[in-house]
Amino acid sequence: MIDSEAPLCLPPRLMSGLSGNLPEGTVDAHFHVFNTDAPLATPRSYTPHVVTLHDWRSYADLAGIERGVLVQPSVYGLDNRVLLAALSGDADRLRGVVVIPPDTSTIALKRLDRLGVRAVRINLRNKSGIGLDALEDLAPRIRSLGWHVQFQVGPEAITTVAELAQ
């Protein structure tokens, strides 16, 4: 479904001249992948160009990136299927950051952990994410798994996030 209010992102920039010039052990700490068959959330803040896990692997191999952290893009809302499929296809190389509802069961959290998920994303910048209020239910349960929280917030929320970290 096309969201006429969601602008199309600029296409990915092709990186030329890379050939393993990054230090050994380099990790891409935040990237997204997309699938042409996956439904996009409405409303959303943008419409992505499709960049697949294969595309990321090709780039990572060329640049000398050994591992990656795949982050759930806001355009998929709470539907983590694309991310989870990517994790299951490259479990040794990837870890994941999901966007999940606060009432996600403990059984589901443990399943996500086995698949390589290590964090929950709070996104106050884009539509179709979850907010800070989700942490009341999620934080104690993800803490027991050793997960962290990734925040995508603007300057107006920095003080609030800092207070949460204390």
C-alpha atoms as a PDB file:
ATOM      1  CA  MET A   1       0.000   0.000   0.000  1.00  0.00           C
ATOM      2  CA  ILE A   2       1.359   3.413  -0.954  1.00  0.00           C
ATOM      3  CA  ASP A   3       1.111   6.185   1.616  1.00  0.00           C
ATOM      4  CA  SER A   4       0.846   9.402  -0.396  1.00  0.00           C
ATOM      5  CA  GLU A   5       2.067  11.361   2.627  1.00  0.00           C
ATOM      6  CA  ALA A   6       5.291   9.331   2.958  1.00  0.00           C
ATOM      7  CA  PRO A   7       8.050  10.694   0.717  1.00  0.00           C
ATOM      8  CA  LEU A   8      10.274   8.336  -1.222  1.00  0.00           C
ATOM      9  CA  CYS A   9      13.786   8.190   0.227  1.00  0.00           C
ATOM     10  CA  LEU A  10      16.800   8.977  -1.856  1.00  0.00           C
ATOM     11  CA  PRO A  11      18.261   5.847  -3.452  1.00  0.00           C
ATOM     12  CA  PRO A  12      21.238   4.193  -1.779  1.00  0.00           C
ATOM     13  CA  ARG A  13      24.593   5.659  -2.756  1.00  0.00           C
ATOM     14  CA  LEU A  14      26.825   3.222  -4.546  1.00  0.00           C
ATOM     15  CA  MET A  15      30.167   2.983  -2.822  1.00  0.00           C
ATOM     16  CA  SER A  16      33.039   2.469  -5.201  1.00  0.00           C
ATOM     17  CA  GLY A  17      36.680   1.907  -4.495  1.00  0.00           C
ATOM     18  CA  LEU A  18      36.121  -0.125  -1.316  1.00  0.00           C
ATOM     19  CA  SER A  19      38.146  -3.261  -0.858  1.00  0.00           C
ATOM     20  CA  GLY A  20      38.484  -4.482   2.686  1.00  0.00           C
ATOM     21  CA  ASN A  21      39.973  -1.244   3.963  1.00  0.00           C
ATOM     22  CA  LEU A  22      38.247  -1.325   7.351  1.00  0.00           C
ATOM     23  CA  PRO A  23      39.923  -2.772  10.468  1.00  0.00           C
ATOM     24  CA  GLU A  24      39.527  -6.461  11.216  1.00  0.00           C
ATOM     25  CA  GLY A  25      36.412  -7.103  13.287  1.00  0.00           C
ATOM     26  CA  THR A  26      34.479  -4.078  11.954  1.00  0.00           C
ATOM     27  CA  VAL A  27      30.776  -4.139  12.797  1.00  0.00           C
ATOM     28  CA  ASP A  28      28.069  -2.203  10.964  1.00  0.00           C
ATOM     29  CA  ALA A  29      26.161  -1.151  14.070  1.00  0.00           C
ATOM     30  CA  HIS A  30      22.921  -0.050  12.382  1.00  0.00           C
ATOM     31  CA  PHE A  31      21.445  -1.004   9.032  1.00  0.00           C
ATOM     32  CA  HIS A  32      18.042  -1.852   7.557  1.00  0.00           C
ATOM     33  CA  VAL A  33      16.939  -4.338   4.924  1.00  0.00           C
ATOM     34  CA  PHE A  34      13.687  -4.356   2.991  1.00  0.00           C
ATOM     35  CA  ASN A  35      11.671  -6.860   0.997  1.00  0.00           C
ATOM     36  CA  THR A  36       9.476  -5.940  -1.975  1.00  0.00           C
ATOM     37  CA  ASP A  37       6.763  -8.324  -0.758  1.00  0.00           C
ATOM     38  CA  ALA A  38       6.551  -6.980   2.806  1.00  0.00           C
ATOM     39  CA  PRO A  39       3.645  -4.644   3.550  1.00  0.00           C
ATOM     40  CA  LEU A  40       4.601  -1.113   4.580  1.00  0.00           C
ATOM     41  CA  ALA A  41       2.963   0.517   7.600  1.00  0.00           C
ATOM     42  CA  THR A  42       0.461   3.309   7.152  1.00  0.00           C
ATOM     43  CA  PRO A  43       0.963   5.940   8.337  1.00  0.00           C
ATOM     44  CA  ARG A  44       4.738   6.065   7.952  1.00  0.00           C
ATOM     45  CA  SER A  45       7.333   8.802   7.670  1.00  0.00           C
ATOM     46  CA  TYR A  46       9.018   7.632   4.461  1.00  0.00           C
ATOM     47  CA  THR A  47       8.886   5.077   1.681  1.00  0.00           C
ATOM     48  CA  PRO A  48      12.145   3.134   1.319  1.00  0.00           C
ATOM     49  CA  HIS A  49      14.068   1.985  -1.694  1.00  0.00           C
ATOM     50  CA  VAL A  50      14.387  -1.769  -1.433  1.00  0.00           C
ATOM     51  CA  VAL A  51      17.826  -2.829  -0.163  1.00  0.00           C
ATOM     52  CA  THR A  52      18.021  -6.530   0.588  1.00  0.00           C
ATOM     53  CA  LEU A  53      20.184  -8.614   2.876  1.00  0.00           C
ATOM     54  CA  HIS A  54      22.038  -9.765  -0.235  1.00  0.00           C
ATOM     55  CA  ASP A  55      22.793  -6.111  -1.053  1.00  0.00           C
ATOM     56  CA  TRP A  56      24.138  -5.532   2.474  1.00  0.00           C
ATOM     57  CA  ARG A  57      26.265  -8.693   2.356  1.00  0.00           C
ATOM     58  CA  SER A  58      27.793  -7.611  -0.949  1.00  0.00           C
ATOM     59  CA  TYR A  59      28.613  -4.179   0.438  1.00  0.00           C
ATOM     60  CA  ALA A  60      29.901  -5.594   3.737  1.00  0.00           C
ATOM     61  CA  ASP A  61      32.142  -8.110   1.991  1.00  0.00           C
ATOM     62  CA  LEU A  62      33.557  -5.410  -0.278  1.00  0.00           C
ATOM     63  CA  ALA A  63      34.176  -3.007   2.620  1.00  0.00           C
ATOM     64  CA  GLY A  64      35.556  -5.601   5.026  1.00  0.00           C
ATOM     65  CA  ILE A  65      32.623  -5.510   7.474  1.00  0.00           C
ATOM     66  CA  GLU A  66      32.553  -8.757   9.443  1.00  0.00           C
ATOM     67  CA  ARG A  67      29.272  -8.480  11.354  1.00  0.00           C
ATOM     68  CA  GLY A  68      26.163  -6.326  11.487  1.00  0.00           C
ATOM     69  CA  VAL A  69      23.319  -5.150  13.669  1.00  0.00           C
ATOM     70  CA  LEU A  70      20.079  -5.220  11.729  1.00  0.00           C
ATOM     71  CA  VAL A  71      17.563  -2.651  13.000  1.00  0.00           C
ATOM     72  CA  GLN A  72      13.811  -2.834  12.423  1.00  0.00           C
ATOM     73  CA  PRO A  73      12.882   0.106  10.175  1.00  0.00           C
ATOM     74  CA  SER A  74       9.862   2.141  11.188  1.00  0.00           C
ATOM     75  CA  VAL A  75       8.176   1.503   7.819  1.00  0.00           C
ATOM     76  CA  TYR A  76       7.353  -2.029   8.985  1.00  0.00           C
ATOM     77  CA  GLY A  77       5.901  -0.943  12.318  1.00  0.00           C
ATOM     78  CA  LEU A  78       5.633  -3.927  14.669  1.00  0.00           C
ATOM     79  CA  ASP A  79       5.958  -6.478  11.851  1.00  0.00           C
ATOM     80  CA  ASN A  80       9.495  -7.845  12.297  1.00  0.00           C
ATOM     81  CA  ARG A  81       9.224 -10.645   9.715  1.00  0.00           C
ATOM     82  CA  VAL A  82      11.777  -9.195   7.264  1.00  0.00           C
ATOM     83  CA  LEU A  83      14.310  -8.661  10.054  1.00  0.00           C
ATOM     84  CA  LEU A  84      13.747 -12.124  11.546  1.00  0.00           C
ATOM     85  CA  ALA A  85      14.082 -13.822   8.152  1.00  0.00           C
ATOM     86  CA  ALA A  86      17.388 -12.008   7.624  1.00  0.00           C
ATOM     87  CA  LEU A  87      18.644 -13.030  11.065  1.00  0.00           C
ATOM     88  CA  SER A  88      17.744 -16.660  10.491  1.00  0.00           C
ATOM     89  CA  GLY A  89      19.672 -16.597   7.217  1.00  0.00           C
ATOM     90  CA  ASP A  90      22.900 -15.295   8.773  1.00  0.00           C
ATOM     91  CA  ALA A  91      22.807 -15.992  12.520  1.00  0.00           C
ATOM     92  CA  ASP A  92      26.588 -16.070  12.954  1.00  0.00           C
ATOM     93  CA  ARG A  93      27.101 -12.667  11.370  1.00  0.00           C
ATOM     94  CA  LEU A  94      24.040 -10.686  12.490  1.00  0.00           C
ATOM     95  CA  ARG A  95      22.233  -9.490  15.583  1.00  0.00           C
ATOM     96  CA  GLY A  96      18.900  -7.670  15.603  1.00  0.00           C
ATOM     97  CA  VAL A  97      17.010  -4.767  17.132  1.00  0.00           C
ATOM     98  CA  VAL A  98      13.213  -5.225  17.038  1.00  0.00           C
ATOM     99  CA  VAL A  99      10.134  -3.076  17.522  1.00  0.00           C
ATOM    100  CA  ILE A 100       7.600  -5.034  19.543  1.00  0.00           C
ATOM    101  CA  PRO A 101       4.440  -4.299  21.488  1.00  0.00           C
ATOM    102  CA  PRO A 102       4.843  -3.850  25.260  1.00  0.00           C
ATOM    103  CA  ASP A 103       2.722  -6.926  25.961  1.00  0.00           C
ATOM    104  CA  THR A 104       4.996  -9.290  24.006  1.00  0.00           C
ATOM    105  CA  SER A 105       5.072 -12.542  25.941  1.00  0.00           C
ATOM    106  CA  THR A 106       8.146 -13.814  27.749  1.00  0.00           C
ATOM    107  CA  ILE A 107       8.042 -16.909  25.538  1.00  0.00           C
ATOM    108  CA  ALA A 108       8.139 -14.696  22.421  1.00  0.00           C
ATOM    109  CA  LEU A 109      11.026 -12.664  23.872  1.00  0.00           C
ATOM    110  CA  LYS A 110      13.036 -15.842  24.488  1.00  0.00           C
ATOM    111  CA  ARG A 111      12.325 -16.986  20.920  1.00  0.00           C
ATOM    112  CA  LEU A 112      13.569 -13.624  19.595  1.00  0.00           C
ATOM    113  CA  ASP A 113      16.684 -13.966  21.750  1.00  0.00           C
ATOM    114  CA  ARG A 114      17.432 -17.403  20.271  1.00  0.00           C
ATOM    115  CA  LEU A 115      17.161 -15.857  16.790  1.00  0.00           C
ATOM    116  CA  GLY A 116      19.788 -13.227  17.630  1.00  0.00           C
ATOM    117  CA  VAL A 117      17.729 -10.252  18.798  1.00  0.00           C
ATOM    118  CA  ARG A 118      19.541  -8.202  21.440  1.00  0.00           C
ATOM    119  CA  ALA A 119      17.570  -4.948  21.711  1.00  0.00           C
ATOM    120  CA  VAL A 120      14.273  -3.115  21.401  1.00  0.00           C
ATOM    121  CA  ARG A 121      14.011   0.126  19.443  1.00  0.00           C
ATOM    122  CA  ILE A 122      12.147   3.141  20.796  1.00  0.00           C
ATOM    123  CA  ASN A 123      11.473   5.544  17.939  1.00  0.00           C
ATOM    124  CA  LEU A 124      10.029   8.977  18.621  1.00  0.00           C
ATOM    125  CA  ARG A 125      11.184  10.406  15.282  1.00  0.00           C
ATOM    126  CA  ASN A 126       9.184   8.323  12.798  1.00  0.00           C
ATOM    127  CA  LYS A 127       5.606   7.133  12.577  1.00  0.00           C
ATOM    128  CA  SER A 128       4.753   3.488  13.354  1.00  0.00           C
ATOM    129  CA  GLY A 129       7.265   2.959  16.173  1.00  0.00           C
ATOM    130  CA  ILE A 130       6.786   2.471  19.900  1.00  0.00           C
ATOM    131  CA  GLY A 131       7.252   5.184  22.483  1.00  0.00           C
ATOM    132  CA  LEU A 132       8.881   5.571  25.853  1.00  0.00           C
ATOM    133  CA  ASP A 133       5.727   4.323  27.593  1.00  0.00           C
ATOM    134  CA  ALA A 134       6.477   0.813  26.258  1.00  0.00           C
ATOM    135  CA  LEU A 135       9.518   0.615  28.525  1.00  0.00           C
ATOM    136  CA  GLU A 136       7.467   0.226  31.701  1.00  0.00           C
ATOM    137  CA  ASP A 137       6.416  -3.256  30.615  1.00  0.00           C
ATOM    138  CA  LEU A 138       9.369  -4.203  28.406  1.00  0.00           C
ATOM    139  CA  ALA A 139      12.429  -2.971  30.322  1.00  0.00           C
ATOM    140  CA  PRO A 140      12.362  -5.463  33.230  1.00  0.00           C
ATOM    141  CA  ARG A 141      11.772  -8.395  30.903  1.00  0.00           C
ATOM    142  CA  ILE A 142      14.411  -7.531  28.306  1.00  0.00           C
ATOM    143  CA  ARG A 143      16.908  -6.709  31.067  1.00  0.00           C
ATOM    144  CA  SER A 144      16.703 -10.321  32.217  1.00  0.00           C
ATOM    145  CA  LEU A 145      17.794 -11.374  28.704  1.00  0.00           C
ATOM    146  CA  GLY A 146      20.747  -8.976  28.701  1.00  0.00           C
ATOM    147  CA  TRP A 147      19.199  -6.834  25.970  1.00  0.00           C
ATOM    148  CA  HIS A 148      19.463  -3.068  25.643  1.00  0.00           C
ATOM    149  CA  VAL A 149      17.210  -0.312  24.319  1.00  0.00           C
ATOM    150  CA  GLN A 150      18.054   1.675  21.230  1.00  0.00           C
ATOM    151  CA  PHE A 151      16.590   5.185  21.162  1.00  0.00           C
ATOM    152  CA  GLN A 152      15.850   7.220  18.066  1.00  0.00           C
ATOM    153  CA  VAL A 153      14.830  10.546  19.546  1.00  0.00           C
ATOM    154  CA  GLY A 154      15.227  14.243  18.899  1.00  0.00           C
ATOM    155  CA  PRO A 155      16.977  16.785  21.109  1.00  0.00           C
ATOM    156  CA  GLU A 156      13.751  17.467  23.005  1.00  0.00           C
ATOM    157  CA  ALA A 157      13.812  13.932  24.471  1.00  0.00           C
ATOM    158  CA  ILE A 158      17.496  13.673  25.440  1.00  0.00           C
ATOM    159  CA  THR A 159      16.882  14.719  29.059  1.00  0.00           C
ATOM    160  CA  THR A 160      14.095  12.161  29.429  1.00  0.00           C
ATOM    161  CA  VAL A 161      16.266   9.375  28.007  1.00  0.00           C
ATOM    162  CA  ALA A 162      19.147  10.385  30.303  1.00  0.00           C
ATOM    163  CA  GLU A 163      16.808  10.200  33.306  1.00  0.00           C
ATOM    164  CA  LEU A 164      15.717   6.702  32.254  1.00  0.00           C
ATOM    165  CA  ALA A 165      19.346   5.570  32.205  1.00  0.00           C
ATOM    166  CA  GLN A 166      19.906   6.462  35.865  1.00  0.00           C
END
